[in-house]
PDB file of N, CA and C in Angstrom:
ATOM      1  N   MET A   1     107.181 107.168  94.113  1.00  0.00           N
ATOM      2  CA  MET A   1     107.067 106.829  92.711  1.00  0.00           C
ATOM      3  C   MET A   1     106.034 107.759  92.083  1.00  0.00           C
ATOM      4  N   ASP A   2     106.181 107.942  90.822  1.00  0.00           N
ATOM      5  CA  ASP A   2     105.316 108.901  90.149  1.00  0.00           C
ATOM      6  C   ASP A   2     104.397 108.200  89.146  1.00  0.00           C
ATOM      7  N   ALA A   3     103.545 109.004  88.545  1.00  0.00           N
ATOM      8  CA  ALA A   3     102.571 108.473  87.596  1.00  0.00           C
ATOM      9  C   ALA A   3     103.256 107.837  86.394  1.00  0.00           C
ATOM     10  N   ALA A   4     104.389 108.367  85.977  1.00  0.00           N
ATOM     11  CA  ALA A   4     105.103 107.787  84.832  1.00  0.00           C
ATOM     12  C   ALA A   4     105.589 106.378  85.137  1.00  0.00           C
ATOM     13  N   THR A   5     106.044 106.167  86.355  1.00  0.00           N
ATOM     14  CA  THR A   5     106.484 104.828  86.761  1.00  0.00           C
ATOM     15  C   THR A   5     105.315 103.854  86.746  1.00  0.00           C
ATOM     16  N   VAL A   6     104.194 104.287  87.301  1.00  0.00           N
ATOM     17  CA  VAL A   6     102.990 103.441  87.317  1.00  0.00           C
ATOM     18  C   VAL A   6     102.596 103.082  85.890  1.00  0.00           C
ATOM     19  N   GLU A   7     102.571 104.052  84.998  1.00  0.00           N
ATOM     20  CA  GLU A   7     102.176 103.789  83.613  1.00  0.00           C
ATOM     21  C   GLU A   7     103.171 102.874  82.903  1.00  0.00           C
ATOM     22  N   ARG A   8     104.455 103.074  83.160  1.00  0.00           N
ATOM     23  CA  ARG A   8     105.469 102.210  82.557  1.00  0.00           C
ATOM     24  C   ARG A   8     105.282 100.755  83.006  1.00  0.00           C
ATOM     25  N   LEU A   9     105.012 100.567  84.286  1.00  0.00           N
ATOM     26  CA  LEU A   9     104.792  99.214  84.802  1.00  0.00           C
ATOM     27  C   LEU A   9     103.493  98.615  84.259  1.00  0.00           C
ATOM     28  N   ARG A  10     102.444  99.433  84.206  1.00  0.00           N
ATOM     29  CA  ARG A  10     101.166  98.946  83.654  1.00  0.00           C
ATOM     30  C   ARG A  10     101.323  98.481  82.205  1.00  0.00           C
ATOM     31  N   ALA A  11     102.169  99.169  81.448  1.00  0.00           N
ATOM     32  CA  ALA A  11     102.373  98.820  80.041  1.00  0.00           C
ATOM     33  C   ALA A  11     102.990  97.428  79.886  1.00  0.00           C
ATOM     34  N   LEU A  12     103.698  96.965  80.892  1.00  0.00           N
ATOM     35  CA  LEU A  12     104.320  95.643  80.830  1.00  0.00           C
ATOM     36  C   LEU A  12     103.363  94.507  81.204  1.00  0.00           C
ATOM     37  N   CYS A  13     102.263  94.854  81.863  1.00  0.00           N
ATOM     38  CA  CYS A  13     101.303  93.830  82.295  1.00  0.00           C
ATOM     39  C   CYS A  13     100.675  93.143  81.090  1.00  0.00           C
ATOM     40  N   GLY A  14     100.544  91.846  81.186  1.00  0.00           N
ATOM     41  CA  GLY A  14      99.960  91.070  80.104  1.00  0.00           C
ATOM     42  C   GLY A  14     100.966  90.635  79.058  1.00  0.00           C
ATOM     43  N   GLY A  15     102.179  91.106  79.179  1.00  0.00           N
ATOM     44  CA  GLY A  15     103.232  90.752  78.226  1.00  0.00           C
ATOM     45  C   GLY A  15     104.098  89.621  78.736  1.00  0.00           C
ATOM     46  N   PRO A  16     105.193  89.364  78.063  1.00  0.00           N
ATOM     47  CA  PRO A  16     106.053  88.246  78.451  1.00  0.00           C
ATOM     48  C   PRO A  16     106.730  88.429  79.805  1.00  0.00           C
ATOM     49  N   ARG A  17     106.834  89.652  80.278  1.00  0.00           N
ATOM     50  CA  ARG A  17     107.457  89.908  81.583  1.00  0.00           C
ATOM     51  C   ARG A  17     106.458  89.949  82.730  1.00  0.00           C
ATOM     52  N   ASP A  18     105.189  89.725  82.426  1.00  0.00           N
ATOM     53  CA  ASP A  18     104.171  89.763  83.471  1.00  0.00           C
ATOM     54  C   ASP A  18     104.419  88.628  84.459  1.00  0.00           C
ATOM     55  N   GLY A  19     104.277  88.942  85.711  1.00  0.00           N
ATOM     56  CA  GLY A  19     104.482  87.935  86.747  1.00  0.00           C
ATOM     57  C   GLY A  19     104.416  88.565  88.123  1.00  0.00           C
ATOM     58  N   ALA A  20     104.779  87.783  89.103  1.00  0.00           N
ATOM     59  CA  ALA A  20     104.666  88.224  90.486  1.00  0.00           C
ATOM     60  C   ALA A  20     105.503  89.472  90.763  1.00  0.00           C
ATOM     61  N   LEU A  21     106.726  89.501  90.287  1.00  0.00           N
ATOM     62  CA  LEU A  21     107.594  90.649  90.558  1.00  0.00           C
ATOM     63  C   LEU A  21     107.060  91.929  89.918  1.00  0.00           C
ATOM     64  N   LEU A  22     106.588  91.841  88.688  1.00  0.00           N
ATOM     65  CA  LEU A  22     106.021  93.013  88.024  1.00  0.00           C
ATOM     66  C   LEU A  22     104.798  93.515  88.784  1.00  0.00           C
ATOM     67  N   ARG A  23     103.906  92.601  89.152  1.00  0.00           N
ATOM     68  CA  ARG A  23     102.685  93.017  89.854  1.00  0.00           C
ATOM     69  C   ARG A  23     103.010  93.559  91.242  1.00  0.00           C
ATOM     70  N   PHE A  24     104.019  92.982  91.908  1.00  0.00           N
ATOM     71  CA  PHE A  24     104.458  93.516  93.192  1.00  0.00           C
ATOM     72  C   PHE A  24     104.980  94.937  93.007  1.00  0.00           C
ATOM     73  N   SER A  25     105.806  95.137  92.002  1.00  0.00           N
ATOM     74  CA  SER A  25     106.375  96.462  91.738  1.00  0.00           C
ATOM     75  C   SER A  25     105.282  97.479  91.429  1.00  0.00           C
ATOM     76  N   LEU A  26     104.311  97.072  90.632  1.00  0.00           N
ATOM     77  CA  LEU A  26     103.200  97.952  90.307  1.00  0.00           C
ATOM     78  C   LEU A  26     102.370  98.260  91.554  1.00  0.00           C
ATOM     79  N   GLY A  27     102.096  97.249  92.360  1.00  0.00           N
ATOM     80  CA  GLY A  27     101.358  97.466  93.606  1.00  0.00           C
ATOM     81  C   GLY A  27     102.094  98.410  94.532  1.00  0.00           C
ATOM     82  N   ASN A  28     103.396  98.240  94.634  1.00  0.00           N
ATOM     83  CA  ASN A  28     104.213  99.110  95.470  1.00  0.00           C
ATOM     84  C   ASN A  28     104.178 100.555  94.953  1.00  0.00           C
ATOM     85  N   ALA A  29     104.272 100.714  93.641  1.00  0.00           N
ATOM     86  CA  ALA A  29     104.222 102.046  93.037  1.00  0.00           C
ATOM     87  C   ALA A  29     102.864 102.704  93.265  1.00  0.00           C
ATOM     88  N   LEU A  30     101.803 101.928  93.126  1.00  0.00           N
ATOM     89  CA  LEU A  30     100.460 102.471  93.349  1.00  0.00           C
ATOM     90  C   LEU A  30     100.262 102.866  94.814  1.00  0.00           C
ATOM     91  N   LEU A  31     100.773 102.062  95.712  1.00  0.00           N
ATOM     92  CA  LEU A  31     100.660 102.385  97.130  1.00  0.00           C
ATOM     93  C   LEU A  31     101.413 103.678  97.435  1.00  0.00           C
ATOM     94  N   ALA A  32     102.611 103.814  96.885  1.00  0.00           N
ATOM     95  CA  ALA A  32     103.405 105.033  97.075  1.00  0.00           C
ATOM     96  C   ALA A  32     102.714 106.246  96.451  1.00  0.00           C
ATOM     97  N   ALA A  33     101.934 106.019  95.410  1.00  0.00           N
ATOM     98  CA  ALA A  33     101.221 107.108  94.734  1.00  0.00           C
ATOM     99  C   ALA A  33      99.903 107.453  95.418  1.00  0.00           C
ATOM    100  N   GLY A  34      99.585 106.748  96.499  1.00  0.00           N
ATOM    101  CA  GLY A  34      98.355 107.052  97.234  1.00  0.00           C
ATOM    102  C   GLY A  34      97.114 106.377  96.696  1.00  0.00           C
ATOM    103  N   ALA A  35      97.285 105.245  96.027  1.00  0.00           N
ATOM    104  CA  ALA A  35      96.150 104.494  95.485  1.00  0.00           C
ATOM    105  C   ALA A  35      96.133 103.082  96.083  1.00  0.00           C
ATOM    106  N   PRO A  36      95.822 102.969  97.391  1.00  0.00           N
ATOM    107  CA  PRO A  36      95.911 101.663  98.037  1.00  0.00           C
ATOM    108  C   PRO A  36      94.936 100.613  97.512  1.00  0.00           C
ATOM    109  N   ALA A  37      93.742 101.015  97.096  1.00  0.00           N
ATOM    110  CA  ALA A  37      92.789 100.029  96.570  1.00  0.00           C
ATOM    111  C   ALA A  37      93.301  99.433  95.263  1.00  0.00           C
ATOM    112  N   ASP A  38      93.850 100.274  94.398  1.00  0.00           N
ATOM    113  CA  ASP A  38      94.433  99.785  93.151  1.00  0.00           C
ATOM    114  C   ASP A  38      95.666  98.933  93.434  1.00  0.00           C
ATOM    115  N   ALA A  39      96.444  99.338  94.431  1.00  0.00           N
ATOM    116  CA  ALA A  39      97.625  98.572  94.816  1.00  0.00           C
ATOM    117  C   ALA A  39      97.215  97.172  95.261  1.00  0.00           C
ATOM    118  N   ALA A  40      96.142  97.091  96.040  1.00  0.00           N
ATOM    119  CA  ALA A  40      95.680  95.786  96.536  1.00  0.00           C
ATOM    120  C   ALA A  40      95.306  94.863  95.374  1.00  0.00           C
ATOM    121  N   ILE A  41      94.703  95.401  94.337  1.00  0.00           N
ATOM    122  CA  ILE A  41      94.344  94.587  93.169  1.00  0.00           C
ATOM    123  C   ILE A  41      95.594  93.977  92.550  1.00  0.00           C
ATOM    124  N   GLU A  42      96.619  94.788  92.360  1.00  0.00           N
ATOM    125  CA  GLU A  42      97.854  94.287  91.737  1.00  0.00           C
ATOM    126  C   GLU A  42      98.599  93.333  92.657  1.00  0.00           C
ATOM    127  N   LEU A  43      98.571  93.596  93.946  1.00  0.00           N
ATOM    128  CA  LEU A  43      99.242  92.700  94.882  1.00  0.00           C
ATOM    129  C   LEU A  43      98.533  91.355  94.986  1.00  0.00           C
ATOM    130  N   ARG A  44      97.212  91.361  94.847  1.00  0.00           N
ATOM    131  CA  ARG A  44      96.490  90.074  94.780  1.00  0.00           C
ATOM    132  C   ARG A  44      96.934  89.286  93.543  1.00  0.00           C
ATOM    133  N   ARG A  45      97.132  89.997  92.448  1.00  0.00           N
ATOM    134  CA  ARG A  45      97.617  89.327  91.237  1.00  0.00           C
ATOM    135  C   ARG A  45      99.018  88.769  91.460  1.00  0.00           C
ATOM    136  N   ALA A  46      99.852  89.492  92.196  1.00  0.00           N
ATOM    137  CA  ALA A  46     101.208  89.017  92.484  1.00  0.00           C
ATOM    138  C   ALA A  46     101.165  87.685  93.225  1.00  0.00           C
ATOM    139  N   VAL A  47     100.288  87.582  94.229  1.00  0.00           N
ATOM    140  CA  VAL A  47     100.232  86.325  94.984  1.00  0.00           C
ATOM    141  C   VAL A  47      99.494  85.229  94.221  1.00  0.00           C
ATOM    142  N   GLU A  48      98.719  85.598  93.225  1.00  0.00           N
ATOM    143  CA  GLU A  48      98.153  84.577  92.338  1.00  0.00           C
ATOM    144  C   GLU A  48      99.262  83.969  91.482  1.00  0.00           C
ATOM    145  N   PHE A  49     100.167  84.825  90.999  1.00  0.00           N
ATOM    146  CA  PHE A  49     101.300  84.328  90.221  1.00  0.00           C
ATOM    147  C   PHE A  49     102.215  83.468  91.093  1.00  0.00           C
ATOM    148  N   ASP A  50     102.468  83.924  92.325  1.00  0.00           N
ATOM    149  CA  ASP A  50     103.371  83.207  93.230  1.00  0.00           C
ATOM    150  C   ASP A  50     102.800  83.244  94.643  1.00  0.00           C
ATOM    151  N   PRO A  51     102.056  82.202  95.014  1.00  0.00           N
ATOM    152  CA  PRO A  51     101.427  82.169  96.341  1.00  0.00           C
ATOM    153  C   PRO A  51     102.409  82.150  97.512  1.00  0.00           C
ATOM    154  N   THR A  52     103.701  81.952  97.245  1.00  0.00           N
ATOM    155  CA  THR A  52     104.688  81.944  98.335  1.00  0.00           C
ATOM    156  C   THR A  52     105.449  83.264  98.430  1.00  0.00           C
ATOM    157  N   TYR A  53     105.043  84.275  97.719  1.00  0.00           N
ATOM    158  CA  TYR A  53     105.733  85.563  97.674  1.00  0.00           C
ATOM    159  C   TYR A  53     105.403  86.356  98.946  1.00  0.00           C
ATOM    160  N   SER A  54     106.188  86.145  99.977  1.00  0.00           N
ATOM    161  CA  SER A  54     105.920  86.718 101.296  1.00  0.00           C
ATOM    162  C   SER A  54     105.839  88.238 101.283  1.00  0.00           C
ATOM    163  N   ALA A  55     106.740  88.892 100.569  1.00  0.00           N
ATOM    164  CA  ALA A  55     106.734  90.353 100.529  1.00  0.00           C
ATOM    165  C   ALA A  55     105.435  90.878  99.931  1.00  0.00           C
ATOM    166  N   ALA A  56     104.892  90.174  98.957  1.00  0.00           N
ATOM    167  CA  ALA A  56     103.632  90.597  98.350  1.00  0.00           C
ATOM    168  C   ALA A  56     102.480  90.445  99.338  1.00  0.00           C
ATOM    169  N   TRP A  57     102.490  89.371 100.122  1.00  0.00           N
ATOM    170  CA  TRP A  57     101.445  89.195 101.139  1.00  0.00           C
ATOM    171  C   TRP A  57     101.518  90.318 102.172  1.00  0.00           C
ATOM    172  N   LYS A  58     102.731  90.648 102.611  1.00  0.00           N
ATOM    173  CA  LYS A  58     102.890  91.718 103.607  1.00  0.00           C
ATOM    174  C   LYS A  58     102.377  93.042 103.062  1.00  0.00           C
ATOM    175  N   LEU A  59     102.759  93.372 101.835  1.00  0.00           N
ATOM    176  CA  LEU A  59     102.348  94.638 101.245  1.00  0.00           C
ATOM    177  C   LEU A  59     100.855  94.653 100.928  1.00  0.00           C
ATOM    178  N   LEU A  60     100.303  93.504 100.563  1.00  0.00           N
ATOM    179  CA  LEU A  60      98.859  93.413 100.323  1.00  0.00           C
ATOM    180  C   LEU A  60      98.099  93.785 101.589  1.00  0.00           C
ATOM    181  N   GLY A  61      98.516  93.243 102.717  1.00  0.00           N
ATOM    182  CA  GLY A  61      97.856  93.586 103.974  1.00  0.00           C
ATOM    183  C   GLY A  61      97.926  95.080 104.253  1.00  0.00           C
ATOM    184  N   ARG A  62      99.094  95.657 104.041  1.00  0.00           N
ATOM    185  CA  ARG A  62      99.253  97.097 104.261  1.00  0.00           C
ATOM    186  C   ARG A  62      98.352  97.907 103.337  1.00  0.00           C
ATOM    187  N   ALA A  63      98.296  97.516 102.064  1.00  0.00           N
ATOM    188  CA  ALA A  63      97.444  98.219 101.104  1.00  0.00           C
ATOM    189  C   ALA A  63      95.978  98.150 101.529  1.00  0.00           C
ATOM    190  N   LEU A  64      95.567  96.990 102.007  1.00  0.00           N
ATOM    191  CA  LEU A  64      94.178  96.830 102.433  1.00  0.00           C
ATOM    192  C   LEU A  64      93.864  97.674 103.670  1.00  0.00           C
ATOM    193  N   VAL A  65      94.806  97.748 104.596  1.00  0.00           N
ATOM    194  CA  VAL A  65      94.613  98.624 105.756  1.00  0.00           C
ATOM    195  C   VAL A  65      94.463 100.067 105.294  1.00  0.00           C
ATOM    196  N   GLU A  66      95.355 100.489 104.418  1.00  0.00           N
ATOM    197  CA  GLU A  66      95.307 101.880 103.938  1.00  0.00           C
ATOM    198  C   GLU A  66      94.063 102.143 103.100  1.00  0.00           C
ATOM    199  N   ALA A  67      93.512 101.101 102.494  1.00  0.00           N
ATOM    200  CA  ALA A  67      92.282 101.246 101.716  1.00  0.00           C
ATOM    201  C   ALA A  67      91.040 101.212 102.608  1.00  0.00           C
ATOM    202  N   GLY A  68      91.257 101.010 103.917  1.00  0.00           N
ATOM    203  CA  GLY A  68      90.131 101.011 104.850  1.00  0.00           C
ATOM    204  C   GLY A  68      89.462  99.672 105.029  1.00  0.00           C
ATOM    205  N   ASP A  69      90.169  98.591 104.759  1.00  0.00           N
ATOM    206  CA  ASP A  69      89.590  97.254 104.880  1.00  0.00           C
ATOM    207  C   ASP A  69      90.456  96.370 105.786  1.00  0.00           C
ATOM    208  N   PRO A  70      90.452  96.659 107.098  1.00  0.00           N
ATOM    209  CA  PRO A  70      91.303  95.891 108.007  1.00  0.00           C
ATOM    210  C   PRO A  70      90.937  94.409 108.097  1.00  0.00           C
ATOM    211  N   GLU A  71      89.676  94.080 107.882  1.00  0.00           N
ATOM    212  CA  GLU A  71      89.280  92.665 107.935  1.00  0.00           C
ATOM    213  C   GLU A  71      89.959  91.872 106.824  1.00  0.00           C
ATOM    214  N   GLN A  72      89.972  92.424 105.613  1.00  0.00           N
ATOM    215  CA  GLN A  72      90.636  91.750 104.503  1.00  0.00           C
ATOM    216  C   GLN A  72      92.154  91.774 104.670  1.00  0.00           C
ATOM    217  N   ALA A  73      92.673  92.812 105.328  1.00  0.00           N
ATOM    218  CA  ALA A  73      94.107  92.862 105.614  1.00  0.00           C
ATOM    219  C   ALA A  73      94.485  91.704 106.525  1.00  0.00           C
ATOM    220  N   ARG A  74      93.652  91.470 107.533  1.00  0.00           N
ATOM    221  CA  ARG A  74      93.905  90.354 108.448  1.00  0.00           C
ATOM    222  C   ARG A  74      93.903  89.031 107.695  1.00  0.00           C
ATOM    223  N   VAL A  75      92.932  88.856 106.809  1.00  0.00           N
ATOM    224  CA  VAL A  75      92.856  87.630 106.002  1.00  0.00           C
ATOM    225  C   VAL A  75      94.122  87.480 105.156  1.00  0.00           C
ATOM    226  N   ALA A  76      94.537  88.573 104.513  1.00  0.00           N
ATOM    227  CA  ALA A  76      95.735  88.529 103.667  1.00  0.00           C
ATOM    228  C   ALA A  76      96.960  88.156 104.494  1.00  0.00           C
ATOM    229  N   TRP A  77      97.110  88.787 105.650  1.00  0.00           N
ATOM    230  CA  TRP A  77      98.272  88.479 106.475  1.00  0.00           C
ATOM    231  C   TRP A  77      98.234  87.044 106.990  1.00  0.00           C
ATOM    232  N   CYS A  78      97.046  86.572 107.354  1.00  0.00           N
ATOM    233  CA  CYS A  78      96.951  85.172 107.810  1.00  0.00           C
ATOM    234  C   CYS A  78      97.296  84.215 106.675  1.00  0.00           C
ATOM    235  N   ASP A  79      96.818  84.500 105.477  1.00  0.00           N
ATOM    236  CA  ASP A  79      97.190  83.688 104.313  1.00  0.00           C
ATOM    237  C   ASP A  79      98.689  83.797 104.057  1.00  0.00           C
ATOM    238  N   GLY A  80      99.239  84.987 104.243  1.00  0.00           N
ATOM    239  CA  GLY A  80     100.670  85.202 104.068  1.00  0.00           C
ATOM    240  C   GLY A  80     101.497  84.457 105.093  1.00  0.00           C
ATOM    241  N   ILE A  81     101.007  84.386 106.317  1.00  0.00           N
ATOM    242  CA  ILE A  81     101.700  83.639 107.368  1.00  0.00           C
ATOM    243  C   ILE A  81     101.795  82.170 106.973  1.00  0.00           C
ATOM    244  N   ALA A  82     100.688  81.628 106.483  1.00  0.00           N
ATOM    245  CA  ALA A  82     100.685  80.219 106.045  1.00  0.00           C
ATOM    246  C   ALA A  82     101.625  80.022 104.860  1.00  0.00           C
ATOM    247  N   ALA A  83     101.576  80.938 103.907  1.00  0.00           N
ATOM    248  CA  ALA A  83     102.437  80.828 102.718  1.00  0.00           C
ATOM    249  C   ALA A  83     103.910  80.937 103.100  1.00  0.00           C
ATOM    250  N   ALA A  84     104.226  81.869 103.984  1.00  0.00           N
ATOM    251  CA  ALA A  84     105.613  82.036 104.421  1.00  0.00           C
ATOM    252  C   ALA A  84     106.094  80.787 105.160  1.00  0.00           C
ATOM    253  N   GLY A  85     105.201  80.193 105.925  1.00  0.00           N
ATOM    254  CA  GLY A  85     105.559  78.957 106.626  1.00  0.00           C
ATOM    255  C   GLY A  85     105.882  77.839 105.652  1.00  0.00           C
ATOM    256  N   ARG A  86     105.081  77.729 104.598  1.00  0.00           N
ATOM    257  CA  ARG A  86     105.334  76.688 103.587  1.00  0.00           C
ATOM    258  C   ARG A  86     106.638  76.939 102.848  1.00  0.00           C
ATOM    259  N   ALA A  87     106.982  78.225 102.672  1.00  0.00           N
ATOM    260  CA  ALA A  87     108.195  78.581 101.937  1.00  0.00           C
ATOM    261  C   ALA A  87     109.431  78.612 102.834  1.00  0.00           C
ATOM    262  N   GLY A  88     109.225  78.481 104.135  1.00  0.00           N
ATOM    263  CA  GLY A  88     110.352  78.536 105.063  1.00  0.00           C
ATOM    264  C   GLY A  88     110.837  79.948 105.337  1.00  0.00           C
ATOM    265  N   ASP A  89     110.012  80.939 105.053  1.00  0.00           N
ATOM    266  CA  ASP A  89     110.372  82.347 105.259  1.00  0.00           C
ATOM    267  C   ASP A  89     109.942  82.758 106.667  1.00  0.00           C
ATOM    268  N   VAL A  90     110.752  82.372 107.637  1.00  0.00           N
ATOM    269  CA  VAL A  90     110.414  82.564 109.041  1.00  0.00           C
ATOM    270  C   VAL A  90     110.298  84.041 109.402  1.00  0.00           C
ATOM    271  N   GLN A  91     111.192  84.877 108.888  1.00  0.00           N
ATOM    272  CA  GLN A  91     111.164  86.299 109.220  1.00  0.00           C
ATOM    273  C   GLN A  91     109.857  86.953 108.763  1.00  0.00           C
ATOM    274  N   ALA A  92     109.460  86.704 107.537  1.00  0.00           N
ATOM    275  CA  ALA A  92     108.206  87.281 107.033  1.00  0.00           C
ATOM    276  C   ALA A  92     107.023  86.751 107.827  1.00  0.00           C
ATOM    277  N   GLN A  93     107.072  85.487 108.176  1.00  0.00           N
ATOM    278  CA  GLN A  93     106.003  84.882 108.968  1.00  0.00           C
ATOM    279  C   GLN A  93     105.871  85.614 110.310  1.00  0.00           C
ATOM    280  N   LYS A  94     106.984  85.860 110.975  1.00  0.00           N
ATOM    281  CA  LYS A  94     106.960  86.559 112.264  1.00  0.00           C
ATOM    282  C   LYS A  94     106.457  87.990 112.115  1.00  0.00           C
ATOM    283  N   GLU A  95     106.891  88.674 111.069  1.00  0.00           N
ATOM    284  CA  GLU A  95     106.451  90.052 110.852  1.00  0.00           C
ATOM    285  C   GLU A  95     104.941  90.116 110.675  1.00  0.00           C
ATOM    286  N   MET A  96     104.395  89.227 109.864  1.00  0.00           N
ATOM    287  CA  MET A  96     102.947  89.253 109.632  1.00  0.00           C
ATOM    288  C   MET A  96     102.183  88.839 110.881  1.00  0.00           C
ATOM    289  N   GLN A  97     102.737  87.968 111.696  1.00  0.00           N
ATOM    290  CA  GLN A  97     102.101  87.620 112.968  1.00  0.00           C
ATOM    291  C   GLN A  97     102.014  88.861 113.864  1.00  0.00           C
ATOM    292  N   VAL A  98     103.064  89.664 113.873  1.00  0.00           N
ATOM    293  CA  VAL A  98     103.053  90.918 114.633  1.00  0.00           C
ATOM    294  C   VAL A  98     101.987  91.857 114.075  1.00  0.00           C
ATOM    295  N   PHE A  99     101.892  91.960 112.755  1.00  0.00           N
ATOM    296  CA  PHE A  99     100.884  92.833 112.142  1.00  0.00           C
ATOM    297  C   PHE A  99      99.473  92.418 112.550  1.00  0.00           C
ATOM    298  N   VAL A 100      99.197  91.112 112.541  1.00  0.00           N
ATOM    299  CA  VAL A 100      97.870  90.618 112.924  1.00  0.00           C
ATOM    300  C   VAL A 100      97.605  90.922 114.394  1.00  0.00           C
ATOM    301  N   ARG A 101      98.593  90.708 115.244  1.00  0.00           N
ATOM    302  CA  ARG A 101      98.408  91.006 116.674  1.00  0.00           C
ATOM    303  C   ARG A 101      98.116  92.494 116.889  1.00  0.00           C
ATOM    304  N   ARG A 102      98.848  93.358 116.195  1.00  0.00           N
ATOM    305  CA  ARG A 102      98.614  94.800 116.323  1.00  0.00           C
ATOM    306  C   ARG A 102      97.222  95.181 115.833  1.00  0.00           C
ATOM    307  N   LEU A 103      96.820  94.579 114.744  1.00  0.00           N
ATOM    308  CA  LEU A 103      95.493  94.847 114.199  1.00  0.00           C
ATOM    309  C   LEU A 103      94.428  94.413 115.203  1.00  0.00           C
ATOM    310  N   ASP A 104      94.591  93.230 115.783  1.00  0.00           N
ATOM    311  CA  ASP A 104      93.628  92.725 116.760  1.00  0.00           C
ATOM    312  C   ASP A 104      93.636  93.564 118.039  1.00  0.00           C
ATOM    313  N   LYS A 105      94.822  93.960 118.464  1.00  0.00           N
ATOM    314  CA  LYS A 105      94.965  94.728 119.704  1.00  0.00           C
ATOM    315  C   LYS A 105      94.292  96.092 119.605  1.00  0.00           C
ATOM    316  N   HIS A 106      94.361  96.681 118.447  1.00  0.00           N
ATOM    317  CA  HIS A 106      93.843  98.032 118.261  1.00  0.00           C
ATOM    318  C   HIS A 106      92.468  98.052 117.583  1.00  0.00           C
ATOM    319  N   GLY A 107      91.757  96.946 117.641  1.00  0.00           N
ATOM    320  CA  GLY A 107      90.388  96.906 117.158  1.00  0.00           C
ATOM    321  C   GLY A 107      90.227  97.224 115.691  1.00  0.00           C
ATOM    322  N   GLY A 108      91.116  96.693 114.848  1.00  0.00           N
ATOM    323  CA  GLY A 108      90.990  96.896 113.417  1.00  0.00           C
ATOM    324  C   GLY A 108      91.769  98.078 112.899  1.00  0.00           C
ATOM    325  N   THR A 109      92.479  98.765 113.785  1.00  0.00           N
ATOM    326  CA  THR A 109      93.314  99.879 113.369  1.00  0.00           C
ATOM    327  C   THR A 109      94.762  99.443 113.467  1.00  0.00           C
ATOM    328  N   PHE A 110      95.457  99.498 112.388  1.00  0.00           N
ATOM    329  CA  PHE A 110      96.846  99.055 112.365  1.00  0.00           C
ATOM    330  C   PHE A 110      97.756 100.199 112.758  1.00  0.00           C
ATOM    331  N   THR A 111      98.671  99.906 113.669  1.00  0.00           N
ATOM    332  CA  THR A 111      99.674 100.896 114.046  1.00  0.00           C
ATOM    333  C   THR A 111     101.046 100.273 113.856  1.00  0.00           C
ATOM    334  N   ARG A 112     102.020 101.108 113.538  1.00  0.00           N
ATOM    335  CA  ARG A 112     103.384 100.631 113.335  1.00  0.00           C
ATOM    336  C   ARG A 112     104.218 100.722 114.604  1.00  0.00           C
ATOM    337  N   ASP A 113     103.628 101.129 115.717  1.00  0.00           N
ATOM    338  CA  ASP A 113     104.308 101.273 117.019  1.00  0.00           C
ATOM    339  C   ASP A 113     105.716 101.739 116.903  1.00  0.00           C
TER     340      ASP A 113
END
């Protein structure tokens, strides 16, 4: 994604279309643009809008790892595991459990094996 996409999405924030999906999309665009710390901010907003949004929890953890904060990534994924469990999203729950195990196994360094 490019800077124009990020700006277009940012322009929608705070308007009638603001919500979890918009913030997820913006976070994803920022992560693709190489701005993981900014992505994490928007992804946190996504899960504030919808605490059961499993994909946002997964991407939040990834953004935090890429931003150099594996401890907060672990917290995000653990919160995401609980949220996915409440929503019945078993697949996302399992994926985030794997992410936490990998993070723990590699001493705070996440690998995609």
